[in-house]
Amino acid sequence: MTKAAVFVCCDGLGVDWVTAERTPVLQALARQSLWCADHRAVFPSVTRVSAASVATGCHPARHGLHGNRMALAEGDGFVVRDVGRPDFRDHMRRATGGTLEVPTLAERTANAGGCIAFSNVSPGAAYFLDPDNFGYVHHRAGSFAPGGRSLEPLAVSHDTAGDEAMTARFCDEVLRQRRPAIAVLWLTDPDHTLHGAPLGSPQHLAALRGADACVGTVVETVAALRREGGEVLLAVGSDHGQETIGDGVDLDGWLARQGLPREIAAGAVAVAGQGTAALLYATSAARAALIGVLDRLRAEPWVGDVVVGEELARLGFAPSGGVVAAVNMARRAEANDYGVPGRRWTVMEDGKRPVIGWGQHGGWGPDETRPFLLLNAPQLAPGRVERPTALVDIAPTLLDFLGLPADGMDGRSLL
């Protein structure tokens, strides 16, 4: 067996929830692995952007996918679209001429063993692991082979049980039989559960146990492959953490009340909500009007910060494609009903008020930006990587293990 690199993502599993009691498999694996002690999410801290950053080794400033929701220039203004929908790539291609602006792992390994991804999150998050079909992406909304040939969808449910079924098939079909150079397993939990339950709740703890069990299944399979002589790097991590919803704000409505109702209605100014953050877009004609209200926006009690220009670049985000500013919603210190500290204001989408107490993410708050990452291989001595690491370091690490170049990436190998 040639070398193989496996990445498992436990979506939404913040580092503070990796404990011996809640996730015993992960805790035991961490003791045998290289543990990234200061691992960080990208901005926005959402799954669809995270998938693109994991796949490319680049921040959004480089790969060009803006968020879970993204405004596209269509006609004379912007239309905010849900990146999670299966047809988003088609809208993006029509508006921008393409999808991601840099190569993915699937493209880089297309002639070097290939890449196969199994994902149980939103269709958009799955497809942006390989948006132009250089490898295989398997998802319950539809699966694709190289060249875009359609395959049977994954017959799994969008929950913990679906994760378990997907993991079993991944281990048998992908790791044992097909054996690509890079294999990606992206679990929906605990993130999916937390969008309908509080942090620390029985539902959350059950979702943690489910994700932990899936990791255990992969660990057992990788161990068997190694006993057969395979050289396998196992990377296990998450893409972001979660925080508690404290309230919701209609940011479109607020901008309209500041004197921009025509701009909002025409799409000259647009808000792409990212949960606990938002991206503000404007056409060149409306840019000055939007900038003119940002100081008032900063003064609102439900706003934590508003950044523009070079400050956006420091977040790994580019003021391009019409993006003028990023808004991080404010955080209150009080705990939720299960004793988890911190409550966040969130950006309402389509006028729908969020459920107070449930989980959310998307900005640069203290918990949502702290995922975890560990690397396990026989030749890697257990220990800690003390330097700051991020999602963009995953792709160059996998390629480095395989002996393949990782030129042009923002991240660097952790090996």
Protein backbone atom coordinates (compact mmCIF):
# COMPACT_ATOMS: atom_id res chain seq x y z
CA MET A 1 0.00 0.00 0.00
CA THR A 2 1.31 3.46 -0.88
CA LYS A 3 1.12 6.41 1.47
CA ALA A 4 -2.32 7.78 2.32
CA ALA A 5 -3.51 10.81 4.26
CA VAL A 6 -6.88 10.77 6.03
CA PHE A 7 -8.63 13.85 7.43
CA VAL A 8 -11.69 13.55 9.68
CA CYS A 9 -13.63 16.72 10.53
CA CYS A 10 -16.00 16.75 13.51
CA ASP A 11 -18.00 19.78 12.44
CA GLY A 12 -18.51 22.39 15.16
CA LEU A 13 -16.56 20.58 17.88
CA GLY A 14 -14.75 23.32 19.82
CA VAL A 15 -11.51 22.39 21.55
CA ASP A 16 -12.86 22.84 25.09
CA TRP A 17 -15.30 19.96 24.54
CA VAL A 18 -12.50 17.46 23.91
CA THR A 19 -12.26 15.84 27.34
CA ALA A 20 -11.84 12.34 28.76
CA GLU A 21 -15.46 12.30 29.89
CA ARG A 22 -17.14 13.71 26.78
CA THR A 23 -14.89 12.39 24.00
CA PRO A 24 -12.78 9.53 25.38
CA VAL A 25 -11.62 8.31 21.96
CA LEU A 26 -10.38 11.74 20.94
CA GLN A 27 -8.74 12.31 24.30
CA ALA A 28 -6.90 8.98 24.11
CA LEU A 29 -5.89 9.63 20.49
CA ALA A 30 -4.60 13.09 21.42
CA ARG A 31 -2.21 11.55 23.95
CA GLN A 32 -0.73 9.42 21.15
CA SER A 33 -0.55 12.24 18.61
CA LEU A 34 0.89 15.62 17.72
CA TRP A 35 -1.59 18.08 19.28
CA CYS A 36 -1.97 21.61 17.92
CA ALA A 37 -2.17 23.67 21.10
CA ASP A 38 -3.18 26.99 19.49
CA HIS A 39 -5.36 26.01 16.54
CA ARG A 40 -7.62 28.60 14.90
CA ALA A 41 -10.55 28.84 12.53
CA VAL A 42 -10.74 31.09 9.49
CA PHE A 43 -13.10 34.04 9.12
CA PRO A 44 -15.99 33.68 8.64
CA SER A 45 -15.98 30.74 11.07
CA VAL A 46 -18.54 28.81 9.05
CA THR A 47 -18.43 25.37 7.48
CA ARG A 48 -18.62 26.27 3.80
CA VAL A 49 -15.69 28.66 3.99
CA SER A 50 -13.83 26.21 6.24
CA ALA A 51 -14.24 23.44 3.68
CA ALA A 52 -12.75 25.65 0.98
CA SER A 53 -9.84 26.60 3.25
CA VAL A 54 -9.16 22.97 4.20
CA ALA A 55 -9.28 21.98 0.54
CA THR A 56 -7.02 24.76 -0.72
CA GLY A 57 -4.72 25.62 2.20
CA CYS A 58 -5.73 29.25 1.67
CA HIS A 59 -7.72 31.94 3.47
CA PRO A 60 -10.87 33.38 1.84
CA ALA A 61 -8.80 36.31 0.54
CA ARG A 62 -7.14 33.80 -1.76
CA HIS A 63 -9.75 31.14 -2.50
CA GLY A 64 -12.62 33.61 -2.98
CA LEU A 65 -15.52 31.92 -1.17
CA HIS A 66 -16.89 34.56 1.19
CA GLY A 67 -19.20 32.82 3.63
CA ASN A 68 -22.16 30.55 4.27
CA ARG A 69 -24.08 33.27 2.46
CA MET A 70 -22.46 35.30 -0.28
CA ALA A 71 -23.56 38.29 -2.35
CA LEU A 72 -23.03 37.87 -6.07
CA ALA A 73 -23.07 40.69 -8.59
CA GLU A 74 -26.12 39.97 -10.73
CA GLY A 75 -27.56 42.65 -12.99
CA ASP A 76 -27.17 46.14 -11.50
CA GLY A 77 -26.74 45.03 -7.90
CA PHE A 78 -26.02 42.18 -5.53
CA VAL A 79 -28.08 39.10 -4.80
CA VAL A 80 -27.36 37.31 -1.53
CA ARG A 81 -27.37 33.55 -2.07
CA ASP A 82 -27.07 30.55 0.22
CA VAL A 83 -23.77 28.81 -0.48
CA GLY A 84 -25.18 25.62 1.02
CA ARG A 85 -27.62 25.03 -1.82
CA PRO A 86 -26.65 22.44 -4.44
CA ASP A 87 -27.00 24.97 -7.28
CA PHE A 88 -24.86 27.72 -5.73
CA ARG A 89 -21.83 26.77 -7.81
CA ASP A 90 -23.83 27.43 -10.97
CA HIS A 91 -24.79 30.92 -9.73
CA MET A 92 -21.18 31.61 -8.74
CA ARG A 93 -19.83 30.55 -12.12
CA ARG A 94 -22.30 32.81 -13.93
CA ALA A 95 -21.47 35.77 -11.69
CA THR A 96 -17.69 35.39 -11.37
CA GLY A 97 -16.62 33.09 -14.18
CA GLY A 98 -15.54 30.27 -11.89
CA THR A 99 -15.57 28.81 -8.39
CA LEU A 100 -12.50 28.73 -6.14
CA GLU A 101 -9.58 30.82 -7.33
CA VAL A 102 -6.82 28.40 -6.26
CA PRO A 103 -6.29 24.64 -6.68
CA THR A 104 -7.86 22.14 -4.29
CA LEU A 105 -6.37 18.95 -2.87
CA ALA A 106 -8.47 17.04 -5.38
CA GLU A 107 -6.90 18.95 -8.27
CA ARG A 108 -3.39 18.61 -6.88
CA THR A 109 -3.73 14.83 -6.42
CA ALA A 110 -5.79 14.06 -9.53
CA ASN A 111 -2.80 12.27 -11.11
CA ALA A 112 -1.20 11.19 -7.83
CA GLY A 113 -3.64 8.82 -6.17
CA GLY A 114 -6.69 11.06 -6.13
CA CYS A 115 -8.98 12.46 -3.46
CA ILE A 116 -12.28 11.05 -2.17
CA ALA A 117 -14.53 13.00 0.20
CA PHE A 118 -17.56 11.78 2.13
CA SER A 119 -19.56 14.63 3.70
CA ASN A 120 -22.79 14.85 5.68
CA VAL A 121 -23.02 18.64 6.05
CA SER A 122 -24.77 21.03 3.64
CA PRO A 123 -24.40 20.30 -0.07
CA GLY A 124 -22.44 23.51 -0.63
CA ALA A 125 -19.95 22.73 2.12
CA ALA A 126 -19.44 19.26 0.65
CA TYR A 127 -19.09 20.42 -2.93
CA PHE A 128 -16.57 23.17 -2.11
CA LEU A 129 -14.13 20.50 -1.04
CA ASP A 130 -13.85 19.88 -4.79
CA PRO A 131 -16.11 22.30 -6.66
CA ASP A 132 -14.78 21.54 -10.13
CA ASN A 133 -14.87 17.74 -9.84
CA PHE A 134 -11.25 16.68 -10.01
CA GLY A 135 -11.93 13.86 -7.53
CA TYR A 136 -14.91 12.19 -5.86
CA VAL A 137 -17.40 13.88 -3.55
CA HIS A 138 -20.12 11.76 -1.96
CA HIS A 139 -23.11 13.50 -0.36
CA ARG A 140 -26.73 12.71 0.37
CA ALA A 141 -27.92 15.45 -2.08
CA GLY A 142 -25.88 13.99 -4.92
CA SER A 143 -22.43 12.55 -5.54
CA PHE A 144 -19.92 13.27 -8.27
CA ALA A 145 -16.97 11.56 -9.94
CA PRO A 146 -14.08 13.24 -11.80
CA GLY A 147 -15.37 15.33 -14.65
CA GLY A 148 -18.70 15.90 -12.88
CA ARG A 149 -20.23 12.53 -13.67
CA SER A 150 -23.19 11.95 -11.35
CA LEU A 151 -23.16 9.06 -8.89
CA GLU A 152 -25.75 7.72 -6.48
CA PRO A 153 -26.28 10.01 -3.48
CA LEU A 154 -25.13 8.85 -0.06
CA ALA A 155 -28.10 7.06 1.49
CA VAL A 156 -27.64 8.57 4.95
CA SER A 157 -29.70 10.80 7.23
CA HIS A 158 -28.58 14.29 8.21
CA ASP A 159 -27.87 13.47 11.87
CA THR A 160 -25.68 11.39 14.16
CA ALA A 161 -27.10 8.13 12.81
CA GLY A 162 -26.26 9.31 9.31
CA ASP A 163 -22.72 10.12 10.39
CA GLU A 164 -22.34 6.60 11.77
CA ALA A 165 -23.63 5.00 8.57
CA MET A 166 -21.43 7.24 6.42
CA THR A 167 -18.37 6.45 8.56
CA ALA A 168 -18.92 2.70 8.22
CA ARG A 169 -19.14 2.98 4.44
CA PHE A 170 -16.15 5.35 4.32
CA CYS A 171 -13.96 2.94 6.27
CA ASP A 172 -14.97 -0.09 4.22
CA GLU A 173 -15.27 1.38 0.75
CA VAL A 174 -12.77 4.25 0.75
CA LEU A 175 -10.05 3.27 3.21
CA ARG A 176 -10.04 -0.50 2.71
CA GLN A 177 -11.00 -0.84 -0.94
CA ARG A 178 -10.52 2.30 -3.04
CA ARG A 179 -7.49 3.63 -1.09
CA PRO A 180 -7.00 7.13 -2.52
CA ALA A 181 -4.02 9.33 -1.68
CA ILE A 182 -6.28 11.65 0.33
CA ALA A 183 -9.53 10.63 2.01
CA VAL A 184 -11.79 13.16 3.76
CA LEU A 185 -14.65 12.31 6.15
CA TRP A 186 -16.71 15.34 7.22
CA LEU A 187 -19.22 14.61 9.99
CA THR A 188 -22.29 16.79 10.52
CA ASP A 189 -22.24 16.54 14.31
CA PRO A 190 -22.00 18.10 16.78
CA ASP A 191 -22.64 21.18 14.61
CA HIS A 192 -25.99 20.03 13.19
CA THR A 193 -27.34 19.18 16.64
CA LEU A 194 -26.18 22.50 18.13
CA HIS A 195 -28.15 24.47 15.58
CA GLY A 196 -31.22 23.04 17.31
CA ALA A 197 -30.08 22.65 20.92
CA PRO A 198 -28.08 24.49 23.61
CA LEU A 199 -24.40 24.00 24.29
CA GLY A 200 -23.92 21.61 27.19
CA SER A 201 -27.39 20.12 26.79
CA PRO A 202 -28.05 16.36 26.75
CA GLN A 203 -28.49 16.59 22.97
CA HIS A 204 -25.10 18.24 22.60
CA LEU A 205 -23.37 15.67 24.79
CA ALA A 206 -25.01 12.84 22.83
CA ALA A 207 -23.79 14.39 19.57
CA LEU A 208 -20.27 14.57 21.00
CA ARG A 209 -20.43 10.88 21.85
CA GLY A 210 -21.63 10.11 18.33
CA ALA A 211 -18.79 12.02 16.68
CA ASP A 212 -16.31 10.43 19.07
CA ALA A 213 -17.58 6.96 18.14
CA CYS A 214 -17.16 7.74 14.43
CA VAL A 215 -13.57 8.80 15.05
CA GLY A 216 -13.07 5.51 16.90
CA THR A 217 -14.23 3.55 13.87
CA VAL A 218 -11.74 5.38 11.65
CA VAL A 219 -8.93 4.89 14.18
CA GLU A 220 -9.56 1.13 14.22
CA THR A 221 -9.56 0.96 10.42
CA VAL A 222 -6.37 3.00 10.11
CA ALA A 223 -4.69 0.77 12.70
CA ALA A 224 -5.62 -2.30 10.63
CA LEU A 225 -4.21 -0.71 7.47
CA ARG A 226 -0.97 0.07 9.28
CA ARG A 227 -0.68 -3.53 10.48
CA GLU A 228 -0.93 -4.53 6.82
CA GLY A 229 2.04 -2.30 6.04
CA GLY A 230 0.26 0.86 5.00
CA GLU A 231 1.76 4.27 5.72
CA VAL A 232 -1.20 6.36 6.86
CA LEU A 233 -1.32 9.85 8.32
CA LEU A 234 -4.51 10.38 10.32
CA ALA A 235 -5.49 14.00 10.93
CA VAL A 236 -8.57 14.60 13.08
CA GLY A 237 -9.97 18.03 13.80
CA SER A 238 -12.86 20.43 13.54
CA ASP A 239 -13.59 23.56 11.56
CA HIS A 240 -14.95 25.90 14.24
CA GLY A 241 -16.59 25.97 17.64
CA GLN A 242 -20.01 27.17 18.71
CA GLU A 243 -21.42 29.96 20.86
CA THR A 244 -24.85 30.61 22.36
CA ILE A 245 -27.48 32.78 20.67
CA GLY A 246 -28.48 35.67 22.90
CA ASP A 247 -30.70 37.57 20.45
CA GLY A 248 -31.07 38.48 16.79
CA VAL A 249 -30.79 41.75 14.87
CA ASP A 250 -32.28 42.65 11.49
CA LEU A 251 -29.23 44.32 9.97
CA ASP A 252 -30.95 44.97 6.64
CA GLY A 253 -33.69 46.81 8.50
CA TRP A 254 -31.17 48.79 10.52
CA LEU A 255 -29.37 49.96 7.37
CA ALA A 256 -32.68 50.95 5.79
CA ARG A 257 -33.50 53.06 8.85
CA GLN A 258 -30.16 54.84 8.50
CA GLY A 259 -31.21 56.26 5.15
CA LEU A 260 -30.36 53.38 2.79
CA PRO A 261 -33.78 51.85 2.01
CA ARG A 262 -33.46 52.36 -1.75
CA GLU A 263 -29.95 50.92 -1.81
CA ILE A 264 -31.09 47.86 0.14
CA ALA A 265 -34.13 47.34 -2.07
CA ALA A 266 -32.08 47.67 -5.27
CA GLY A 267 -29.25 45.41 -4.11
CA ALA A 268 -26.76 48.30 -4.22
CA VAL A 269 -26.10 47.54 -0.55
CA ALA A 270 -26.40 43.96 0.67
CA VAL A 271 -25.99 42.06 3.93
CA ALA A 272 -24.74 38.48 3.90
CA GLY A 273 -25.39 37.16 7.40
CA GLN A 274 -22.91 34.62 8.76
CA GLY A 275 -24.62 33.86 12.07
CA THR A 276 -22.60 35.81 14.62
CA ALA A 277 -21.12 38.02 11.88
CA ALA A 278 -22.07 39.68 8.63
CA LEU A 279 -20.42 40.81 5.42
CA LEU A 280 -21.57 44.16 4.03
CA TYR A 281 -21.44 44.64 0.27
CA ALA A 282 -21.91 47.76 -1.84
CA THR A 283 -21.68 48.75 -5.48
CA SER A 284 -19.15 51.45 -6.32
CA ALA A 285 -21.97 54.01 -6.49
CA ALA A 286 -23.29 53.06 -3.02
CA ARG A 287 -19.98 52.48 -1.27
CA ALA A 288 -19.68 55.98 0.20
CA ALA A 289 -23.22 55.85 1.55
CA LEU A 290 -22.53 52.55 3.31
CA ILE A 291 -19.21 53.74 4.75
CA GLY A 292 -21.03 56.83 6.02
CA VAL A 293 -23.13 54.80 8.47
CA LEU A 294 -20.41 52.49 9.79
CA ASP A 295 -19.52 54.70 12.77
CA ARG A 296 -23.17 54.61 13.85
CA LEU A 297 -23.11 50.84 13.41
CA ARG A 298 -20.03 50.52 15.63
CA ALA A 299 -21.86 52.42 18.38
CA GLU A 300 -24.72 49.92 18.60
CA PRO A 301 -24.65 47.73 21.75
CA TRP A 302 -25.18 44.58 19.68
CA VAL A 303 -22.04 45.17 17.59
CA GLY A 304 -18.65 43.99 18.76
CA ASP A 305 -16.54 45.34 15.93
CA VAL A 306 -16.71 46.59 12.35
CA VAL A 307 -13.61 46.24 10.18
CA VAL A 308 -12.74 47.59 6.73
CA GLY A 309 -9.76 47.69 4.38
CA GLU A 310 -6.47 46.45 5.80
CA GLU A 311 -8.23 45.21 8.93
CA LEU A 312 -10.15 42.82 6.70
CA ALA A 313 -6.87 41.61 5.24
CA ARG A 314 -5.57 40.85 8.74
CA LEU A 315 -8.58 38.55 9.16
CA GLY A 316 -7.49 36.66 6.05
CA PHE A 317 -10.28 38.27 4.09
CA ALA A 318 -10.00 40.54 1.06
CA PRO A 319 -12.06 43.69 0.49
CA SER A 320 -12.98 42.45 -2.98
CA GLY A 321 -16.04 41.27 -4.83
CA GLY A 322 -17.96 44.22 -3.43
CA VAL A 323 -17.20 43.51 0.24
CA VAL A 324 -16.84 46.79 2.13
CA ALA A 325 -16.91 45.70 5.79
CA ALA A 326 -17.21 42.77 8.17
CA VAL A 327 -19.29 42.98 11.33
CA ASN A 328 -18.63 40.85 14.40
CA MET A 329 -21.66 40.77 16.67
CA ALA A 330 -21.29 41.56 20.37
CA ARG A 331 -20.93 39.05 23.18
CA ARG A 332 -22.43 39.14 26.66
CA ALA A 333 -20.77 37.25 29.49
CA GLU A 334 -23.74 35.49 31.10
CA ALA A 335 -24.00 31.72 30.90
CA ASN A 336 -26.69 29.66 29.20
CA ASP A 337 -29.03 27.28 31.01
CA TYR A 338 -26.30 24.61 31.16
CA GLY A 339 -23.63 26.86 32.59
CA VAL A 340 -21.76 27.54 29.34
CA PRO A 341 -20.59 31.18 29.45
CA GLY A 342 -21.20 33.73 26.72
CA ARG A 343 -24.20 34.82 24.66
CA ARG A 344 -23.97 36.34 21.19
CA TRP A 345 -26.16 38.58 19.14
CA THR A 346 -26.70 37.11 15.68
CA VAL A 347 -27.69 38.47 12.27
CA MET A 348 -31.23 37.58 11.30
CA GLU A 349 -31.68 35.96 7.90
CA ASP A 350 -34.79 36.65 5.82
CA GLY A 351 -36.34 38.41 8.81
CA LYS A 352 -36.47 35.24 10.89
CA ARG A 353 -35.63 35.68 14.56
CA PRO A 354 -33.21 33.00 15.82
CA VAL A 355 -34.01 30.73 18.76
CA ILE A 356 -32.37 32.16 21.86
CA GLY A 357 -30.19 29.59 23.61
CA TRP A 358 -29.29 27.46 20.57
CA GLY A 359 -25.78 27.29 19.12
CA GLN A 360 -24.37 29.57 16.42
CA HIS A 361 -21.04 30.73 14.96
CA GLY A 362 -19.57 32.69 12.07
CA GLY A 363 -17.64 35.59 13.60
CA TRP A 364 -14.37 35.89 15.48
CA GLY A 365 -15.62 35.25 19.00
CA PRO A 366 -13.51 33.37 21.57
CA ASP A 367 -15.19 29.96 21.33
CA GLU A 368 -16.29 29.79 17.69
CA THR A 369 -12.73 30.37 16.48
CA ARG A 370 -11.08 27.58 18.49
CA PRO A 371 -11.40 24.21 16.73
CA PHE A 372 -8.95 21.38 17.42
CA LEU A 373 -6.43 19.43 15.35
CA LEU A 374 -4.27 16.38 15.98
CA LEU A 375 -1.92 14.44 13.71
CA ASN A 376 -1.26 10.75 14.19
CA ALA A 377 1.31 8.56 12.43
CA PRO A 378 3.79 5.96 13.70
CA GLN A 379 6.73 8.16 12.73
CA LEU A 380 5.31 11.19 14.59
CA ALA A 381 6.31 11.40 18.23
CA PRO A 382 3.43 12.46 20.51
CA GLY A 383 3.75 16.06 21.59
CA ARG A 384 2.46 19.58 21.08
CA VAL A 385 2.74 22.14 18.32
CA GLU A 386 2.96 25.37 20.32
CA ARG A 387 3.03 27.83 17.41
CA PRO A 388 -0.30 29.15 16.15
CA THR A 389 -1.86 26.86 13.55
CA ALA A 390 -5.00 27.17 11.43
CA LEU A 391 -7.24 25.32 9.02
CA VAL A 392 -5.03 26.45 6.14
CA ASP A 393 -2.18 24.30 7.53
CA ILE A 394 -4.09 21.05 6.97
CA ALA A 395 -3.73 20.82 3.17
CA PRO A 396 0.04 21.45 3.06
CA THR A 397 0.50 18.93 5.89
CA LEU A 398 -1.34 16.19 4.00
CA LEU A 399 0.57 16.93 0.81
CA ASP A 400 3.89 17.03 2.67
CA PHE A 401 3.23 13.57 4.09
CA LEU A 402 2.52 12.29 0.58
CA GLY A 403 5.68 13.90 -0.79
CA LEU A 404 3.71 16.24 -3.05
CA PRO A 405 4.30 19.99 -3.54
CA ALA A 406 2.15 22.53 -1.70
CA ASP A 407 3.23 25.66 -3.53
CA GLY A 408 1.07 28.77 -3.42
CA MET A 409 -0.71 27.96 -0.16
CA ASP A 410 -1.17 30.33 2.79
CA GLY A 411 -0.61 27.51 5.28
CA ARG A 412 2.51 25.49 5.97
CA SER A 413 3.13 21.87 6.84
CA LEU A 414 3.02 20.83 10.49
CA LEU A 415 5.29 17.83 9.95
